[in-house]
């Protein structure tokens, strides 16, 4: 497995589903800034509300999928999920079918998001429950102000780069902030 982070501007997503799982997956994609088209032949009221004008009634065909890079499927039975996975792969899309690892090209991690700081926890599809529990644990450790901390370090890094500082000098300056403010506990403790 190779964990990667995708740029939402470069990857459009087709989401196919019906109910709660599709709504949760759409919320994750929205939080990540992805462009999503939602397809459903029987959407729940919650999915209709969450998807808004991005909802296309019915399951996607080749023309629908050809404009996307990823296909995510949730809440569908095995047969239509498998058919969609085959079609998507023929078109060059990567596929994730929730709770059906045999149909997946990739697995979606449990995510802790604090601004641009993203921590991903994956079990390679073996135990989504463990990944979810670890995410809850990590959320307690990585509180909301970490997004601001990261932004502050990004500004410091940009400022030092503009001054022509060498990479090792920038690393030392970042370490000085992290250690000086005890963000990761006391050094050597």
Foldseek 3Di string as FASTA:
>chain_A
DDDDDDDQVVFAEEEEAAEDVSLVVLVVCVVNPHHYAYEYQHHDPSCCVSCPPSYDHHDDDLVVLLVGAEYEYEHDDDVVLQVVLVSNVVSNHFYDYPPPLVSHPFDFFDWDDQAPDIDGDDPRSPDNPVRVVVSVVVCVLCDNCVNVVVVVLVVQLVVCVVVVDDPVVSVVVNVCVCQVVQSPHHPPD
